[in-house]
C-alpha atoms as a PDB file:
ATOM      1  CA  MET A   1     175.894  85.931 153.807  1.00  0.00           C
ATOM      2  CA  ALA A   2     175.747  89.679 153.105  1.00  0.00           C
ATOM      3  CA  ALA A   3     172.153  90.098 154.320  1.00  0.00           C
ATOM      4  CA  LYS A   4     172.911  88.660 157.761  1.00  0.00           C
ATOM      5  CA  ALA A   5     176.085  90.749 157.980  1.00  0.00           C
ATOM      6  CA  ARG A   6     173.888  93.817 157.463  1.00  0.00           C
ATOM      7  CA  GLY A   7     171.518  92.849 160.266  1.00  0.00           C
ATOM      8  CA  ALA A   8     168.875  90.666 158.623  1.00  0.00           C
ATOM      9  CA  LYS A   9     167.269  88.268 161.086  1.00  0.00           C
ATOM     10  CA  ARG A  10     166.759  85.638 158.419  1.00  0.00           C
ATOM     11  CA  ALA A  11     168.158  85.163 154.921  1.00  0.00           C
ATOM     12  CA  ILE A  12     167.434  82.270 152.609  1.00  0.00           C
ATOM     13  CA  PRO A  13     169.485  81.818 149.439  1.00  0.00           C
ATOM     14  CA  LEU A  14     167.235  81.040 146.496  1.00  0.00           C
ATOM     15  CA  ALA A  15     168.204  78.601 143.787  1.00  0.00           C
ATOM     16  CA  VAL A  16     167.294  80.581 140.678  1.00  0.00           C
ATOM     17  CA  SER A  17     168.348  80.239 137.058  1.00  0.00           C
ATOM     18  CA  ALA A  18     168.815  83.969 136.374  1.00  0.00           C
ATOM     19  CA  PRO A  19     169.056  87.344 138.177  1.00  0.00           C
ATOM     20  CA  PHE A  20     165.352  88.117 137.761  1.00  0.00           C
ATOM     21  CA  HIS A  21     163.832  91.507 138.641  1.00  0.00           C
ATOM     22  CA  CYS A  22     167.066  93.494 138.708  1.00  0.00           C
ATOM     23  CA  ALA A  23     169.199  95.640 136.375  1.00  0.00           C
ATOM     24  CA  LEU A  24     171.153  92.573 135.239  1.00  0.00           C
ATOM     25  CA  MET A  25     168.054  91.583 133.248  1.00  0.00           C
ATOM     26  CA  GLN A  26     168.106  94.754 131.093  1.00  0.00           C
ATOM     27  CA  PRO A  27     169.183  92.860 127.921  1.00  0.00           C
ATOM     28  CA  ALA A  28     166.138  90.604 128.330  1.00  0.00           C
ATOM     29  CA  ALA A  29     163.903  93.646 128.875  1.00  0.00           C
ATOM     30  CA  ASP A  30     165.272  95.223 125.677  1.00  0.00           C
ATOM     31  CA  ARG A  31     164.549  92.061 123.699  1.00  0.00           C
ATOM     32  CA  LEU A  32     161.068  91.843 125.217  1.00  0.00           C
ATOM     33  CA  ALA A  33     160.459  95.471 124.201  1.00  0.00           C
ATOM     34  CA  ARG A  34     161.240  94.644 120.565  1.00  0.00           C
ATOM     35  CA  GLU A  35     158.897  91.639 120.651  1.00  0.00           C
ATOM     36  CA  LEU A  36     156.095  93.558 122.354  1.00  0.00           C
ATOM     37  CA  GLU A  37     156.202  96.218 119.625  1.00  0.00           C
ATOM     38  CA  ARG A  38     154.926  93.536 117.240  1.00  0.00           C
ATOM     39  CA  VAL A  39     151.953  92.664 119.458  1.00  0.00           C
ATOM     40  CA  GLU A  40     148.590  94.409 119.419  1.00  0.00           C
ATOM     41  CA  ILE A  41     147.464  95.007 122.980  1.00  0.00           C
ATOM     42  CA  ALA A  42     143.784  95.517 123.704  1.00  0.00           C
ATOM     43  CA  ALA A  43     142.305  97.018 126.843  1.00  0.00           C
ATOM     44  CA  PRO A  44     142.203  94.419 129.639  1.00  0.00           C
ATOM     45  CA  ALA A  45     138.724  93.064 130.393  1.00  0.00           C
ATOM     46  CA  TRP A  46     139.312  93.966 134.044  1.00  0.00           C
ATOM     47  CA  SER A  47     141.944  95.768 136.059  1.00  0.00           C
ATOM     48  CA  VAL A  48     145.332  94.088 136.443  1.00  0.00           C
ATOM     49  CA  VAL A  49     147.305  94.867 139.594  1.00  0.00           C
ATOM     50  CA  THR A  50     150.889  94.992 138.393  1.00  0.00           C
ATOM     51  CA  ASN A  51     153.960  93.721 140.232  1.00  0.00           C
ATOM     52  CA  VAL A  52     155.766  96.927 139.286  1.00  0.00           C
ATOM     53  CA  GLU A  53     153.380  99.455 140.829  1.00  0.00           C
ATOM     54  CA  ALA A  54     151.060  97.391 143.038  1.00  0.00           C
ATOM     55  CA  GLU A  55     148.235  99.391 141.446  1.00  0.00           C
ATOM     56  CA  PRO A  56     145.464  98.414 139.039  1.00  0.00           C
ATOM     57  CA  ASN A  57     145.867  99.164 135.336  1.00  0.00           C
ATOM     58  CA  ARG A  58     143.330  98.998 132.495  1.00  0.00           C
ATOM     59  CA  ASP A  59     145.171 101.284 130.093  1.00  0.00           C
ATOM     60  CA  PRO A  60     146.370  99.260 127.089  1.00  0.00           C
ATOM     61  CA  GLY A  61     148.871 102.041 126.323  1.00  0.00           C
ATOM     62  CA  ARG A  62     150.744 101.237 129.539  1.00  0.00           C
ATOM     63  CA  VAL A  63     150.813  97.437 129.239  1.00  0.00           C
ATOM     64  CA  ARG A  64     154.060  97.303 127.209  1.00  0.00           C
ATOM     65  CA  GLU A  65     155.879  99.645 129.579  1.00  0.00           C
ATOM     66  CA  LEU A  66     154.710  97.742 132.651  1.00  0.00           C
ATOM     67  CA  LEU A  67     155.661  94.359 131.186  1.00  0.00           C
ATOM     68  CA  MET A  68     159.138  95.630 130.292  1.00  0.00           C
ATOM     69  CA  ARG A  69     159.646  97.224 133.717  1.00  0.00           C
ATOM     70  CA  GLN A  70     158.579  93.987 135.378  1.00  0.00           C
ATOM     71  CA  VAL A  71     161.710  92.262 134.057  1.00  0.00           C
ATOM     72  CA  THR A  72     164.116  94.594 135.886  1.00  0.00           C
ATOM     73  CA  ALA A  73     162.045  96.087 138.713  1.00  0.00           C
ATOM     74  CA  PRO A  74     161.653  94.634 142.202  1.00  0.00           C
ATOM     75  CA  VAL A  75     158.437  92.666 142.687  1.00  0.00           C
ATOM     76  CA  ARG A  76     156.021  94.455 145.000  1.00  0.00           C
ATOM     77  CA  TRP A  77     154.253  91.218 145.882  1.00  0.00           C
ATOM     78  CA  GLU A  78     153.059  91.998 149.398  1.00  0.00           C
ATOM     79  CA  GLU A  79     151.773  95.416 148.331  1.00  0.00           C
ATOM     80  CA  SER A  80     150.070  93.837 145.297  1.00  0.00           C
ATOM     81  CA  VAL A  81     148.236  91.259 147.420  1.00  0.00           C
ATOM     82  CA  GLN A  82     147.220  93.943 149.915  1.00  0.00           C
ATOM     83  CA  ARG A  83     145.964  96.140 147.068  1.00  0.00           C
ATOM     84  CA  LEU A  84     143.874  93.279 145.684  1.00  0.00           C
ATOM     85  CA  THR A  85     142.227  92.715 149.059  1.00  0.00           C
ATOM     86  CA  SER A  86     141.563  96.453 149.432  1.00  0.00           C
ATOM     87  CA  MET A  87     139.737  96.247 146.081  1.00  0.00           C
ATOM     88  CA  GLY A  88     137.454  93.525 147.455  1.00  0.00           C
ATOM     89  CA  VAL A  89     139.128  90.521 145.846  1.00  0.00           C
ATOM     90  CA  THR A  90     138.270  87.359 147.784  1.00  0.00           C
ATOM     91  CA  SER A  91     139.729  84.620 145.527  1.00  0.00           C
ATOM     92  CA  ALA A  92     143.070  84.138 143.803  1.00  0.00           C
ATOM     93  CA  VAL A  93     144.339  81.484 141.408  1.00  0.00           C
ATOM     94  CA  GLU A  94     147.928  80.280 141.260  1.00  0.00           C
ATOM     95  CA  VAL A  95     148.481  79.054 137.721  1.00  0.00           C
ATOM     96  CA  GLY A  96     151.412  76.694 137.289  1.00  0.00           C
ATOM     97  CA  PHE A  97     153.086  73.918 139.167  1.00  0.00           C
ATOM     98  CA  GLY A  98     153.703  74.220 142.887  1.00  0.00           C
ATOM     99  CA  ASN A  99     152.112  76.408 145.510  1.00  0.00           C
ATOM    100  CA  VAL A 100     154.814  78.862 146.585  1.00  0.00           C
ATOM    101  CA  LEU A 101     152.761  81.928 145.701  1.00  0.00           C
ATOM    102  CA  ALA A 102     149.646  80.502 147.352  1.00  0.00           C
ATOM    103  CA  GLY A 103     151.608  80.103 150.577  1.00  0.00           C
ATOM    104  CA  LEU A 104     152.829  83.692 150.380  1.00  0.00           C
ATOM    105  CA  VAL A 105     149.302  84.949 149.714  1.00  0.00           C
ATOM    106  CA  ARG A 106     147.963  83.025 152.716  1.00  0.00           C
ATOM    107  CA  ARG A 107     150.553  84.700 154.975  1.00  0.00           C
ATOM    108  CA  ILE A 108     149.849  88.179 153.615  1.00  0.00           C
ATOM    109  CA  ALA A 109     146.040  87.898 153.413  1.00  0.00           C
ATOM    110  CA  PRO A 110     144.756  84.838 155.292  1.00  0.00           C
ATOM    111  CA  ALA A 111     141.129  85.541 154.328  1.00  0.00           C
ATOM    112  CA  LEU A 112     141.932  85.407 150.607  1.00  0.00           C
ATOM    113  CA  GLN A 113     140.884  82.033 149.182  1.00  0.00           C
ATOM    114  CA  VAL A 114     143.645  80.615 146.943  1.00  0.00           C
ATOM    115  CA  HIS A 115     142.944  78.025 144.246  1.00  0.00           C
ATOM    116  CA  ALA A 116     145.583  75.883 142.528  1.00  0.00           C
ATOM    117  CA  ALA A 117     145.597  75.420 138.779  1.00  0.00           C
ATOM    118  CA  GLY A 118     148.664  73.405 137.864  1.00  0.00           C
ATOM    119  CA  ASP A 119     147.366  71.465 134.887  1.00  0.00           C
ATOM    120  CA  ALA A 120     144.641  71.545 132.232  1.00  0.00           C
ATOM    121  CA  GLU A 121     142.236  69.506 134.380  1.00  0.00           C
ATOM    122  CA  SER A 122     142.451  71.832 137.400  1.00  0.00           C
ATOM    123  CA  ILE A 123     142.119  74.907 135.173  1.00  0.00           C
ATOM    124  CA  SER A 124     139.015  73.404 133.539  1.00  0.00           C
ATOM    125  CA  ALA A 125     137.541  72.644 136.973  1.00  0.00           C
ATOM    126  CA  LEU A 126     138.034  76.270 138.070  1.00  0.00           C
ATOM    127  CA  VAL A 127     136.611  77.658 134.840  1.00  0.00           C
ATOM    128  CA  GLY A 128     133.605  75.361 135.251  1.00  0.00           C
ATOM    129  CA  ARG A 129     132.805  76.964 138.606  1.00  0.00           C
ATOM    130  CA  GLY A 130     131.328  79.969 136.829  1.00  0.00           C
ATOM    131  CA  ASP A 131     131.215  83.370 138.461  1.00  0.00           C
ATOM    132  CA  ALA A 132     132.772  82.230 141.741  1.00  0.00           C
ATOM    133  CA  LEU A 133     136.091  83.372 140.308  1.00  0.00           C
ATOM    134  CA  GLU A 134     134.783  86.228 138.154  1.00  0.00           C
ATOM    135  CA  PRO A 135     136.056  89.662 139.242  1.00  0.00           C
ATOM    136  CA  LYS A 136     133.395  91.700 141.064  1.00  0.00           C
ATOM    137  CA  GLU A 137     133.771  94.518 138.563  1.00  0.00           C
ATOM    138  CA  GLN A 138     132.659  92.096 135.820  1.00  0.00           C
ATOM    139  CA  ARG A 139     129.633  90.687 137.648  1.00  0.00           C
ATOM    140  CA  HIS A 140     126.185  91.839 136.677  1.00  0.00           C
ATOM    141  CA  ALA A 141     123.622  92.609 139.355  1.00  0.00           C
END
């Protein structure tokens, strides 16, 4: 394995279906760009910390660019989770099947409460909890 040959202490091959988040995905990014041009993008209701920059964004003019860059750019996951906690985020939701991201979040920020939402029922249960999951910047005093 090339990583171990270069001095990595641990390397785990991942079974993936495509070369995500690298230059080999440029054709997909180009196609996404064409599709996104047809979509009207409104200002996000709250800040979105992007995988590309690990910084919050609320500028609708940057959403297309950031989504396209996400296809080919490395994921700054650890920095993104750390940025969220520095912003005062205390809860996260993993939407989809499995809990890989929840496990990563727990290692990066153990105090961050992670909720699973893998099906319509679990999503409805979380939504029904009210402002427990509402971003602080949206809460009213």
